[in-house]
PDB file of all heavy atoms in Angstrom:
ATOM      1  N   HIS A   1      59.215  -3.699 133.319  1.00  0.00           N
ATOM      2  CA  HIS A   1      60.003  -2.466 133.375  1.00  0.00           C
ATOM      3  C   HIS A   1      59.206  -1.300 132.784  1.00  0.00           C
ATOM      4  O   HIS A   1      59.215  -0.194 133.330  1.00  0.00           O
ATOM      5  CB  HIS A   1      61.321  -2.667 132.618  1.00  0.00           C
ATOM      6  CG  HIS A   1      62.037  -1.410 132.293  1.00  0.00           C
ATOM      7  ND1 HIS A   1      62.657  -0.628 133.255  1.00  0.00           N
ATOM      8  CD2 HIS A   1      62.245  -0.781 131.111  1.00  0.00           C
ATOM      9  CE1 HIS A   1      63.206   0.421 132.673  1.00  0.00           C
ATOM     10  NE2 HIS A   1      62.970   0.351 131.372  1.00  0.00           N
ATOM     11  N   LEU A   2      58.486  -1.543 131.695  1.00  0.00           N
ATOM     12  CA  LEU A   2      57.686  -0.496 131.059  1.00  0.00           C
ATOM     13  C   LEU A   2      56.602  -0.002 132.006  1.00  0.00           C
ATOM     14  O   LEU A   2      56.368   1.208 132.119  1.00  0.00           O
ATOM     15  CB  LEU A   2      57.031  -1.026 129.782  1.00  0.00           C
ATOM     16  CG  LEU A   2      57.946  -1.681 128.755  1.00  0.00           C
ATOM     17  CD1 LEU A   2      57.124  -2.277 127.631  1.00  0.00           C
ATOM     18  CD2 LEU A   2      58.976  -0.703 128.246  1.00  0.00           C
ATOM     19  N   LEU A   3      55.949  -0.929 132.681  1.00  0.00           N
ATOM     20  CA  LEU A   3      54.910  -0.586 133.644  1.00  0.00           C
ATOM     21  C   LEU A   3      55.489   0.231 134.795  1.00  0.00           C
ATOM     22  O   LEU A   3      54.938   1.261 135.183  1.00  0.00           O
ATOM     23  CB  LEU A   3      54.235  -1.849 134.172  1.00  0.00           C
ATOM     24  CG  LEU A   3      53.101  -1.655 135.163  1.00  0.00           C
ATOM     25  CD1 LEU A   3      51.952  -0.881 134.536  1.00  0.00           C
ATOM     26  CD2 LEU A   3      52.619  -3.007 135.674  1.00  0.00           C
ATOM     27  N   ARG A   4      56.629  -0.207 135.331  1.00  0.00           N
ATOM     28  CA  ARG A   4      57.263   0.513 136.450  1.00  0.00           C
ATOM     29  C   ARG A   4      57.630   1.938 136.071  1.00  0.00           C
ATOM     30  O   ARG A   4      57.393   2.870 136.842  1.00  0.00           O
ATOM     31  CB  ARG A   4      58.500  -0.246 136.936  1.00  0.00           C
ATOM     32  CG  ARG A   4      58.189  -1.505 137.704  1.00  0.00           C
ATOM     33  CD  ARG A   4      59.423  -2.089 138.368  1.00  0.00           C
ATOM     34  NE  ARG A   4      60.454  -2.479 137.423  1.00  0.00           N
ATOM     35  CZ  ARG A   4      60.558  -3.692 136.891  1.00  0.00           C
ATOM     36  NH1 ARG A   4      59.685  -4.640 137.205  1.00  0.00           N
ATOM     37  NH2 ARG A   4      61.525  -3.972 136.056  1.00  0.00           N
ATOM     38  N   VAL A   5      58.188   2.135 134.876  1.00  0.00           N
ATOM     39  CA  VAL A   5      58.589   3.485 134.454  1.00  0.00           C
ATOM     40  C   VAL A   5      57.366   4.380 134.302  1.00  0.00           C
ATOM     41  O   VAL A   5      57.343   5.508 134.812  1.00  0.00           O
ATOM     42  CB  VAL A   5      59.411   3.428 133.145  1.00  0.00           C
ATOM     43  CG1 VAL A   5      59.618   4.829 132.568  1.00  0.00           C
ATOM     44  CG2 VAL A   5      60.750   2.754 133.388  1.00  0.00           C
ATOM     45  N   GLY A   6      56.346   3.891 133.634  1.00  0.00           N
ATOM     46  CA  GLY A   6      55.133   4.698 133.464  1.00  0.00           C
ATOM     47  C   GLY A   6      54.480   5.046 134.786  1.00  0.00           C
ATOM     48  O   GLY A   6      54.087   6.191 135.015  1.00  0.00           O
ATOM     49  N   LEU A   7      54.375   4.077 135.687  1.00  0.00           N
ATOM     50  CA  LEU A   7      53.750   4.331 136.989  1.00  0.00           C
ATOM     51  C   LEU A   7      54.607   5.224 137.872  1.00  0.00           C
ATOM     52  O   LEU A   7      54.076   6.033 138.640  1.00  0.00           O
ATOM     53  CB  LEU A   7      53.432   3.012 137.689  1.00  0.00           C
ATOM     54  CG  LEU A   7      52.348   2.162 137.017  1.00  0.00           C
ATOM     55  CD1 LEU A   7      52.147   0.858 137.788  1.00  0.00           C
ATOM     56  CD2 LEU A   7      51.041   2.927 136.870  1.00  0.00           C
ATOM     57  N   LEU A   8      55.922   5.105 137.762  1.00  0.00           N
ATOM     58  CA  LEU A   8      56.810   5.995 138.511  1.00  0.00           C
ATOM     59  C   LEU A   8      56.595   7.443 138.085  1.00  0.00           C
ATOM     60  O   LEU A   8      56.471   8.343 138.926  1.00  0.00           O
ATOM     61  CB  LEU A   8      58.273   5.590 138.300  1.00  0.00           C
ATOM     62  CG  LEU A   8      59.317   6.505 138.941  1.00  0.00           C
ATOM     63  CD1 LEU A   8      59.224   6.450 140.454  1.00  0.00           C
ATOM     64  CD2 LEU A   8      60.709   6.112 138.478  1.00  0.00           C
ATOM     65  N   LEU A   9      56.527   7.674 136.792  1.00  0.00           N
ATOM     66  CA  LEU A   9      56.274   9.027 136.297  1.00  0.00           C
ATOM     67  C   LEU A   9      54.896   9.525 136.737  1.00  0.00           C
ATOM     68  O   LEU A   9      54.751  10.654 137.206  1.00  0.00           O
ATOM     69  CB  LEU A   9      56.385   9.058 134.769  1.00  0.00           C
ATOM     70  CG  LEU A   9      57.782   8.840 134.210  1.00  0.00           C
ATOM     71  CD1 LEU A   9      57.715   8.601 132.704  1.00  0.00           C
ATOM     72  CD2 LEU A   9      58.690   9.995 134.542  1.00  0.00           C
ATOM     73  N   GLN A  10      53.903   8.664 136.600  1.00  0.00           N
ATOM     74  CA  GLN A  10      52.545   9.027 137.000  1.00  0.00           C
ATOM     75  C   GLN A  10      52.487   9.383 138.487  1.00  0.00           C
ATOM     76  O   GLN A  10      51.932  10.418 138.860  1.00  0.00           O
ATOM     77  CB  GLN A  10      51.603   7.870 136.692  1.00  0.00           C
ATOM     78  CG  GLN A  10      50.155   8.147 137.042  1.00  0.00           C
ATOM     79  CD  GLN A  10      49.297   6.934 136.787  1.00  0.00           C
ATOM     80  OE1 GLN A  10      49.459   5.917 137.468  1.00  0.00           O
ATOM     81  NE2 GLN A  10      48.409   7.028 135.814  1.00  0.00           N
ATOM     82  N   ASN A  11      53.057   8.540 139.326  1.00  0.00           N
ATOM     83  CA  ASN A  11      53.016   8.779 140.767  1.00  0.00           C
ATOM     84  C   ASN A  11      53.792  10.032 141.156  1.00  0.00           C
ATOM     85  O   ASN A  11      53.373  10.764 142.060  1.00  0.00           O
ATOM     86  CB  ASN A  11      53.550   7.565 141.530  1.00  0.00           C
ATOM     87  CG  ASN A  11      52.589   6.407 141.478  1.00  0.00           C
ATOM     88  OD1 ASN A  11      51.389   6.574 141.344  1.00  0.00           O
ATOM     89  ND2 ASN A  11      53.122   5.205 141.560  1.00  0.00           N
ATOM     90  N   THR A  12      54.888  10.292 140.471  1.00  0.00           N
ATOM     91  CA  THR A  12      55.667  11.498 140.756  1.00  0.00           C
ATOM     92  C   THR A  12      54.846  12.743 140.443  1.00  0.00           C
ATOM     93  O   THR A  12      54.811  13.697 141.245  1.00  0.00           O
ATOM     94  CB  THR A  12      56.980  11.498 139.952  1.00  0.00           C
ATOM     95  OG1 THR A  12      57.748  10.354 140.339  1.00  0.00           O
ATOM     96  CG2 THR A  12      57.788  12.759 140.194  1.00  0.00           C
ATOM     97  N   LEU A  13      54.173  12.747 139.316  1.00  0.00           N
ATOM     98  CA  LEU A  13      53.336  13.895 138.960  1.00  0.00           C
ATOM     99  C   LEU A  13      52.179  14.071 139.947  1.00  0.00           C
ATOM    100  O   LEU A  13      51.890  15.188 140.383  1.00  0.00           O
ATOM    101  CB  LEU A  13      52.791  13.736 137.541  1.00  0.00           C
ATOM    102  CG  LEU A  13      53.818  13.830 136.424  1.00  0.00           C
ATOM    103  CD1 LEU A  13      53.183  13.468 135.092  1.00  0.00           C
ATOM    104  CD2 LEU A  13      54.429  15.217 136.363  1.00  0.00           C
ATOM    105  N   ILE A  14      51.538  12.981 140.296  1.00  0.00           N
ATOM    106  CA  ILE A  14      50.406  13.052 141.236  1.00  0.00           C
ATOM    107  C   ILE A  14      50.881  13.521 142.605  1.00  0.00           C
ATOM    108  O   ILE A  14      50.288  14.428 143.199  1.00  0.00           O
ATOM    109  CB  ILE A  14      49.693  11.687 141.329  1.00  0.00           C
ATOM    110  CG1 ILE A  14      48.953  11.390 140.020  1.00  0.00           C
ATOM    111  CG2 ILE A  14      48.737  11.655 142.515  1.00  0.00           C
ATOM    112  CD1 ILE A  14      48.429   9.965 139.905  1.00  0.00           C
ATOM    113  N   ASN A  15      51.941  12.927 143.118  1.00  0.00           N
ATOM    114  CA  ASN A  15      52.426  13.278 144.459  1.00  0.00           C
ATOM    115  C   ASN A  15      52.911  14.715 144.551  1.00  0.00           C
ATOM    116  O   ASN A  15      52.837  15.329 145.618  1.00  0.00           O
ATOM    117  CB  ASN A  15      53.539  12.323 144.893  1.00  0.00           C
ATOM    118  CG  ASN A  15      53.022  10.930 145.173  1.00  0.00           C
ATOM    119  OD1 ASN A  15      51.842  10.728 145.465  1.00  0.00           O
ATOM    120  ND2 ASN A  15      53.896   9.951 145.073  1.00  0.00           N
ATOM    121  N   ASN A  16      53.406  15.259 143.445  1.00  0.00           N
ATOM    122  CA  ASN A  16      53.895  16.627 143.446  1.00  0.00           C
ATOM    123  C   ASN A  16      52.880  17.617 142.892  1.00  0.00           C
ATOM    124  O   ASN A  16      53.201  18.799 142.714  1.00  0.00           O
ATOM    125  CB  ASN A  16      55.211  16.719 142.656  1.00  0.00           C
ATOM    126  CG  ASN A  16      56.317  16.018 143.391  1.00  0.00           C
ATOM    127  OD1 ASN A  16      56.743  16.445 144.447  1.00  0.00           O
ATOM    128  ND2 ASN A  16      56.776  14.900 142.842  1.00  0.00           N
ATOM    129  N   LYS A  17      51.678  17.118 142.617  1.00  0.00           N
ATOM    130  CA  LYS A  17      50.586  17.950 142.105  1.00  0.00           C
ATOM    131  C   LYS A  17      51.032  18.764 140.885  1.00  0.00           C
ATOM    132  O   LYS A  17      50.816  19.970 140.789  1.00  0.00           O
ATOM    133  CB  LYS A  17      50.036  18.854 143.204  1.00  0.00           C
ATOM    134  CG  LYS A  17      49.439  18.073 144.363  1.00  0.00           C
ATOM    135  CD  LYS A  17      48.967  18.987 145.461  1.00  0.00           C
ATOM    136  CE  LYS A  17      48.277  18.244 146.564  1.00  0.00           C
ATOM    137  NZ  LYS A  17      49.052  17.365 147.368  1.00  0.00           N
ATOM    138  N   GLU A  18      51.670  18.058 139.949  1.00  0.00           N
ATOM    139  CA  GLU A  18      52.193  18.680 138.729  1.00  0.00           C
ATOM    140  C   GLU A  18      51.344  18.294 137.523  1.00  0.00           C
ATOM    141  O   GLU A  18      50.935  17.157 137.387  1.00  0.00           O
ATOM    142  CB  GLU A  18      53.636  18.217 138.473  1.00  0.00           C
ATOM    143  CG  GLU A  18      54.624  18.678 139.499  1.00  0.00           C
ATOM    144  CD  GLU A  18      54.985  20.145 139.372  1.00  0.00           C
ATOM    145  OE1 GLU A  18      54.816  20.716 138.279  1.00  0.00           O
ATOM    146  OE2 GLU A  18      55.424  20.710 140.379  1.00  0.00           O
ATOM    147  N   GLY A  19      51.121  19.225 136.642  1.00  0.00           N
ATOM    148  CA  GLY A  19      50.483  18.962 135.361  1.00  0.00           C
ATOM    149  C   GLY A  19      48.988  18.758 135.424  1.00  0.00           C
ATOM    150  O   GLY A  19      48.400  18.537 136.476  1.00  0.00           O
ATOM    151  N   SER A  20      48.399  18.834 134.264  1.00  0.00           N
ATOM    152  CA  SER A  20      46.962  18.614 134.101  1.00  0.00           C
ATOM    153  C   SER A  20      46.680  17.129 133.949  1.00  0.00           C
ATOM    154  O   SER A  20      47.602  16.303 133.846  1.00  0.00           O
ATOM    155  CB  SER A  20      46.477  19.352 132.852  1.00  0.00           C
ATOM    156  OG  SER A  20      47.042  18.750 131.690  1.00  0.00           O
ATOM    157  N   LYS A  21      45.412  16.784 133.888  1.00  0.00           N
ATOM    158  CA  LYS A  21      45.024  15.395 133.656  1.00  0.00           C
ATOM    159  C   LYS A  21      45.574  14.908 132.308  1.00  0.00           C
ATOM    160  O   LYS A  21      46.051  13.785 132.195  1.00  0.00           O
ATOM    161  CB  LYS A  21      43.500  15.268 133.698  1.00  0.00           C
ATOM    162  CG  LYS A  21      42.990  13.864 133.539  1.00  0.00           C
ATOM    163  CD  LYS A  21      41.477  13.796 133.665  1.00  0.00           C
ATOM    164  CE  LYS A  21      41.009  12.363 133.479  1.00  0.00           C
ATOM    165  NZ  LYS A  21      39.555  12.243 133.566  1.00  0.00           N
ATOM    166  N   LYS A  22      45.529  15.773 131.296  1.00  0.00           N
ATOM    167  CA  LYS A  22      46.052  15.426 129.977  1.00  0.00           C
ATOM    168  C   LYS A  22      47.569  15.239 130.031  1.00  0.00           C
ATOM    169  O   LYS A  22      48.105  14.304 129.434  1.00  0.00           O
ATOM    170  CB  LYS A  22      45.683  16.513 128.960  1.00  0.00           C
ATOM    171  CG  LYS A  22      46.071  16.186 127.549  1.00  0.00           C
ATOM    172  CD  LYS A  22      45.264  15.031 127.013  1.00  0.00           C
ATOM    173  CE  LYS A  22      45.587  14.787 125.552  1.00  0.00           C
ATOM    174  NZ  LYS A  22      45.005  13.556 125.058  1.00  0.00           N
ATOM    175  N   ASP A  23      48.283  16.117 130.755  1.00  0.00           N
ATOM    176  CA  ASP A  23      49.732  15.967 130.922  1.00  0.00           C
ATOM    177  C   ASP A  23      50.058  14.622 131.564  1.00  0.00           C
ATOM    178  O   ASP A  23      50.992  13.936 131.148  1.00  0.00           O
ATOM    179  CB  ASP A  23      50.315  17.073 131.813  1.00  0.00           C
ATOM    180  CG  ASP A  23      50.234  18.447 131.205  1.00  0.00           C
ATOM    181  OD1 ASP A  23      50.189  18.566 129.965  1.00  0.00           O
ATOM    182  OD2 ASP A  23      50.218  19.428 131.990  1.00  0.00           O
ATOM    183  N   LEU A  24      49.293  14.262 132.568  1.00  0.00           N
ATOM    184  CA  LEU A  24      49.499  13.001 133.278  1.00  0.00           C
ATOM    185  C   LEU A  24      49.352  11.821 132.319  1.00  0.00           C
ATOM    186  O   LEU A  24      50.173  10.894 132.321  1.00  0.00           O
ATOM    187  CB  LEU A  24      48.505  12.897 134.435  1.00  0.00           C
ATOM    188  CG  LEU A  24      48.607  11.689 135.337  1.00  0.00           C
ATOM    189  CD1 LEU A  24      49.903  11.715 136.131  1.00  0.00           C
ATOM    190  CD2 LEU A  24      47.423  11.649 136.288  1.00  0.00           C
ATOM    191  N   GLU A  25      48.336  11.871 131.486  1.00  0.00           N
ATOM    192  CA  GLU A  25      48.105  10.804 130.516  1.00  0.00           C
ATOM    193  C   GLU A  25      49.255  10.733 129.501  1.00  0.00           C
ATOM    194  O   GLU A  25      49.782   9.649 129.220  1.00  0.00           O
ATOM    195  CB  GLU A  25      46.786  11.046 129.791  1.00  0.00           C
ATOM    196  CG  GLU A  25      46.460  10.004 128.746  1.00  0.00           C
ATOM    197  CD  GLU A  25      45.149  10.315 128.053  1.00  0.00           C
ATOM    198  OE1 GLU A  25      44.093  10.149 128.682  1.00  0.00           O
ATOM    199  OE2 GLU A  25      45.200  10.735 126.885  1.00  0.00           O
ATOM    200  N   ILE A  26      49.653  11.865 128.959  1.00  0.00           N
ATOM    201  CA  ILE A  26      50.718  11.915 127.946  1.00  0.00           C
ATOM    202  C   ILE A  26      52.026  11.373 128.513  1.00  0.00           C
ATOM    203  O   ILE A  26      52.688  10.530 127.897  1.00  0.00           O
ATOM    204  CB  ILE A  26      50.896  13.356 127.425  1.00  0.00           C
ATOM    205  CG1 ILE A  26      49.700  13.744 126.560  1.00  0.00           C
ATOM    206  CG2 ILE A  26      52.214  13.525 126.671  1.00  0.00           C
ATOM    207  CD1 ILE A  26      49.630  15.219 126.230  1.00  0.00           C
ATOM    208  N   ILE A  27      52.401  11.832 129.681  1.00  0.00           N
ATOM    209  CA  ILE A  27      53.687  11.438 130.264  1.00  0.00           C
ATOM    210  C   ILE A  27      53.676   9.973 130.695  1.00  0.00           C
ATOM    211  O   ILE A  27      54.663   9.260 130.522  1.00  0.00           O
ATOM    212  CB  ILE A  27      54.069  12.396 131.407  1.00  0.00           C
ATOM    213  CG1 ILE A  27      54.369  13.773 130.793  1.00  0.00           C
ATOM    214  CG2 ILE A  27      55.253  11.875 132.206  1.00  0.00           C
ATOM    215  CD1 ILE A  27      54.513  14.895 131.781  1.00  0.00           C
ATOM    216  N   THR A  28      52.566   9.507 131.228  1.00  0.00           N
ATOM    217  CA  THR A  28      52.465   8.100 131.618  1.00  0.00           C
ATOM    218  C   THR A  28      52.574   7.196 130.392  1.00  0.00           C
ATOM    219  O   THR A  28      53.319   6.206 130.398  1.00  0.00           O
ATOM    220  CB  THR A  28      51.160   7.831 132.385  1.00  0.00           C
ATOM    221  OG1 THR A  28      51.095   8.692 133.523  1.00  0.00           O
ATOM    222  CG2 THR A  28      51.071   6.382 132.833  1.00  0.00           C
ATOM    223  N   LEU A  29      51.845   7.530 129.327  1.00  0.00           N
ATOM    224  CA  LEU A  29      51.920   6.736 128.097  1.00  0.00           C
ATOM    225  C   LEU A  29      53.334   6.744 127.517  1.00  0.00           C
ATOM    226  O   LEU A  29      53.836   5.709 127.072  1.00  0.00           O
ATOM    227  CB  LEU A  29      50.919   7.254 127.060  1.00  0.00           C
ATOM    228  CG  LEU A  29      49.461   6.923 127.332  1.00  0.00           C
ATOM    229  CD1 LEU A  29      48.547   7.733 126.424  1.00  0.00           C
ATOM    230  CD2 LEU A  29      49.200   5.433 127.178  1.00  0.00           C
ATOM    231  N   ALA A  30      53.982   7.905 127.539  1.00  0.00           N
ATOM    232  CA  ALA A  30      55.362   7.982 127.040  1.00  0.00           C
ATOM    233  C   ALA A  30      56.285   7.121 127.894  1.00  0.00           C
ATOM    234  O   ALA A  30      57.209   6.485 127.365  1.00  0.00           O
ATOM    235  CB  ALA A  30      55.833   9.428 127.015  1.00  0.00           C
ATOM    236  N   GLY A  31      56.036   7.076 129.195  1.00  0.00           N
ATOM    237  CA  GLY A  31      56.823   6.203 130.065  1.00  0.00           C
ATOM    238  C   GLY A  31      56.627   4.742 129.715  1.00  0.00           C
ATOM    239  O   GLY A  31      57.588   3.971 129.640  1.00  0.00           O
ATOM    240  N   PHE A  32      55.386   4.348 129.469  1.00  0.00           N
ATOM    241  CA  PHE A  32      55.112   2.965 129.071  1.00  0.00           C
ATOM    242  C   PHE A  32      55.831   2.633 127.756  1.00  0.00           C
ATOM    243  O   PHE A  32      56.302   1.517 127.560  1.00  0.00           O
ATOM    244  CB  PHE A  32      53.614   2.727 128.868  1.00  0.00           C
ATOM    245  CG  PHE A  32      52.769   2.765 130.102  1.00  0.00           C
ATOM    246  CD1 PHE A  32      51.421   3.094 130.008  1.00  0.00           C
ATOM    247  CD2 PHE A  32      53.280   2.463 131.356  1.00  0.00           C
ATOM    248  CE1 PHE A  32      50.607   3.109 131.126  1.00  0.00           C
ATOM    249  CE2 PHE A  32      52.469   2.487 132.491  1.00  0.00           C
ATOM    250  CZ  PHE A  32      51.125   2.815 132.367  1.00  0.00           C
ATOM    251  N   GLY A  33      55.906   3.602 126.863  1.00  0.00           N
ATOM    252  CA  GLY A  33      56.454   3.351 125.530  1.00  0.00           C
ATOM    253  C   GLY A  33      57.883   3.775 125.321  1.00  0.00           C
ATOM    254  O   GLY A  33      58.386   3.730 124.198  1.00  0.00           O
ATOM    255  N   HIS A  34      58.580   4.134 126.397  1.00  0.00           N
ATOM    256  CA  HIS A  34      59.892   4.769 126.241  1.00  0.00           C
ATOM    257  C   HIS A  34      60.927   3.934 125.494  1.00  0.00           C
ATOM    258  O   HIS A  34      61.840   4.491 124.903  1.00  0.00           O
ATOM    259  CB  HIS A  34      60.446   5.196 127.614  1.00  0.00           C
ATOM    260  CG  HIS A  34      60.960   4.074 128.449  1.00  0.00           C
ATOM    261  ND1 HIS A  34      60.124   3.277 129.210  1.00  0.00           N
ATOM    262  CD2 HIS A  34      62.212   3.604 128.629  1.00  0.00           C
ATOM    263  CE1 HIS A  34      60.857   2.372 129.831  1.00  0.00           C
ATOM    264  NE2 HIS A  34      62.121   2.541 129.502  1.00  0.00           N
ATOM    265  N   ASP A  35      60.812   2.628 125.462  1.00  0.00           N
ATOM    266  CA  ASP A  35      61.769   1.783 124.749  1.00  0.00           C
ATOM    267  C   ASP A  35      61.228   1.240 123.436  1.00  0.00           C
ATOM    268  O   ASP A  35      61.902   0.461 122.760  1.00  0.00           O
ATOM    269  CB  ASP A  35      62.197   0.601 125.626  1.00  0.00           C
ATOM    270  CG  ASP A  35      63.246   0.977 126.650  1.00  0.00           C
ATOM    271  OD1 ASP A  35      64.001   1.944 126.403  1.00  0.00           O
ATOM    272  OD2 ASP A  35      63.332   0.297 127.684  1.00  0.00           O
ATOM    273  N   SER A  36      60.038   1.643 123.049  1.00  0.00           N
ATOM    274  CA  SER A  36      59.399   1.015 121.895  1.00  0.00           C
ATOM    275  C   SER A  36      60.121   1.283 120.580  1.00  0.00           C
ATOM    276  O   SER A  36      60.274   0.366 119.765  1.00  0.00           O
ATOM    277  CB  SER A  36      57.930   1.420 121.797  1.00  0.00           C
ATOM    278  OG  SER A  36      57.803   2.819 121.660  1.00  0.00           O
ATOM    279  N   LEU A  37      60.568   2.500 120.341  1.00  0.00           N
ATOM    280  CA  LEU A  37      61.271   2.790 119.090  1.00  0.00           C
ATOM    281  C   LEU A  37      62.662   2.173 119.073  1.00  0.00           C
ATOM    282  O   LEU A  37      63.169   1.816 118.017  1.00  0.00           O
ATOM    283  CB  LEU A  37      61.367   4.303 118.859  1.00  0.00           C
ATOM    284  CG  LEU A  37      60.052   5.013 118.584  1.00  0.00           C
ATOM    285  CD1 LEU A  37      60.256   6.522 118.534  1.00  0.00           C
ATOM    286  CD2 LEU A  37      59.408   4.515 117.303  1.00  0.00           C
ATOM    287  N   GLU A  38      63.237   2.053 120.239  1.00  0.00           N
ATOM    288  CA  GLU A  38      64.601   1.539 120.362  1.00  0.00           C
ATOM    289  C   GLU A  38      64.660   0.009 120.286  1.00  0.00           C
ATOM    290  O   GLU A  38      65.600  -0.546 119.719  1.00  0.00           O
ATOM    291  CB  GLU A  38      65.164   2.007 121.698  1.00  0.00           C
ATOM    292  CG  GLU A  38      66.622   1.812 121.900  1.00  0.00           C
ATOM    293  CD  GLU A  38      67.109   2.530 123.153  1.00  0.00           C
ATOM    294  OE1 GLU A  38      66.649   3.644 123.449  1.00  0.00           O
ATOM    295  OE2 GLU A  38      67.948   1.938 123.847  1.00  0.00           O
ATOM    296  N   ASP A  39      63.663  -0.648 120.855  1.00  0.00           N
ATOM    297  CA  ASP A  39      63.754  -2.099 121.039  1.00  0.00           C
ATOM    298  C   ASP A  39      62.713  -2.926 120.295  1.00  0.00           C
ATOM    299  O   ASP A  39      62.636  -4.136 120.497  1.00  0.00           O
ATOM    300  CB  ASP A  39      63.654  -2.431 122.530  1.00  0.00           C
ATOM    301  CG  ASP A  39      64.821  -1.892 123.335  1.00  0.00           C
ATOM    302  OD1 ASP A  39      65.886  -1.628 122.752  1.00  0.00           O
ATOM    303  OD2 ASP A  39      64.674  -1.732 124.557  1.00  0.00           O
ATOM    304  N   THR A  40      61.885  -2.282 119.478  1.00  0.00           N
ATOM    305  CA  THR A  40      60.886  -3.025 118.702  1.00  0.00           C
ATOM    306  C   THR A  40      60.890  -2.488 117.270  1.00  0.00           C
ATOM    307  O   THR A  40      61.617  -1.549 116.949  1.00  0.00           O
ATOM    308  CB  THR A  40      59.462  -2.893 119.292  1.00  0.00           C
ATOM    309  OG1 THR A  40      58.922  -1.619 118.976  1.00  0.00           O
ATOM    310  CG2 THR A  40      59.451  -3.136 120.793  1.00  0.00           C
ATOM    311  N   ASN A  41      60.058  -3.068 116.439  1.00  0.00           N
ATOM    312  CA  ASN A  41      59.971  -2.649 115.035  1.00  0.00           C
ATOM    313  C   ASN A  41      58.916  -1.577 114.793  1.00  0.00           C
ATOM    314  O   ASN A  41      58.685  -1.194 113.651  1.00  0.00           O
ATOM    315  CB  ASN A  41      59.672  -3.857 114.143  1.00  0.00           C
ATOM    316  CG  ASN A  41      60.835  -4.822 114.104  1.00  0.00           C
ATOM    317  OD1 ASN A  41      61.995  -4.413 114.152  1.00  0.00           O
ATOM    318  ND2 ASN A  41      60.539  -6.106 114.027  1.00  0.00           N
ATOM    319  N   VAL A  42      58.274  -1.086 115.836  1.00  0.00           N
ATOM    320  CA  VAL A  42      57.234  -0.081 115.654  1.00  0.00           C
ATOM    321  C   VAL A  42      57.861   1.208 115.118  1.00  0.00           C
ATOM    322  O   VAL A  42      58.996   1.553 115.452  1.00  0.00           O
ATOM    323  CB  VAL A  42      56.444   0.171 116.966  1.00  0.00           C
ATOM    324  CG1 VAL A  42      57.256   0.974 117.978  1.00  0.00           C
ATOM    325  CG2 VAL A  42      55.119   0.851 116.681  1.00  0.00           C
ATOM    326  N   LYS A  43      57.136   1.890 114.279  1.00  0.00           N
ATOM    327  CA  LYS A  43      57.597   3.150 113.683  1.00  0.00           C
ATOM    328  C   LYS A  43      56.910   4.329 114.372  1.00  0.00           C
ATOM    329  O   LYS A  43      55.795   4.203 114.886  1.00  0.00           O
ATOM    330  CB  LYS A  43      57.283   3.188 112.182  1.00  0.00           C
ATOM    331  CG  LYS A  43      57.881   2.042 111.401  1.00  0.00           C
ATOM    332  CD  LYS A  43      59.389   2.122 111.386  1.00  0.00           C
ATOM    333  CE  LYS A  43      59.985   1.008 110.556  1.00  0.00           C
ATOM    334  NZ  LYS A  43      61.274   0.583 111.008  1.00  0.00           N
TER     335      LYS A  43
END
């Protein structure tokens, strides 16, 4: 699920030609990690 969310965000940005390369990286990583604070012990 984490992979799907991150790749969905990445593909949406690429297909719509939105954001910089750095924006793409930030948003994709956030998509991969979107449940980490909620569902794990990471701080």
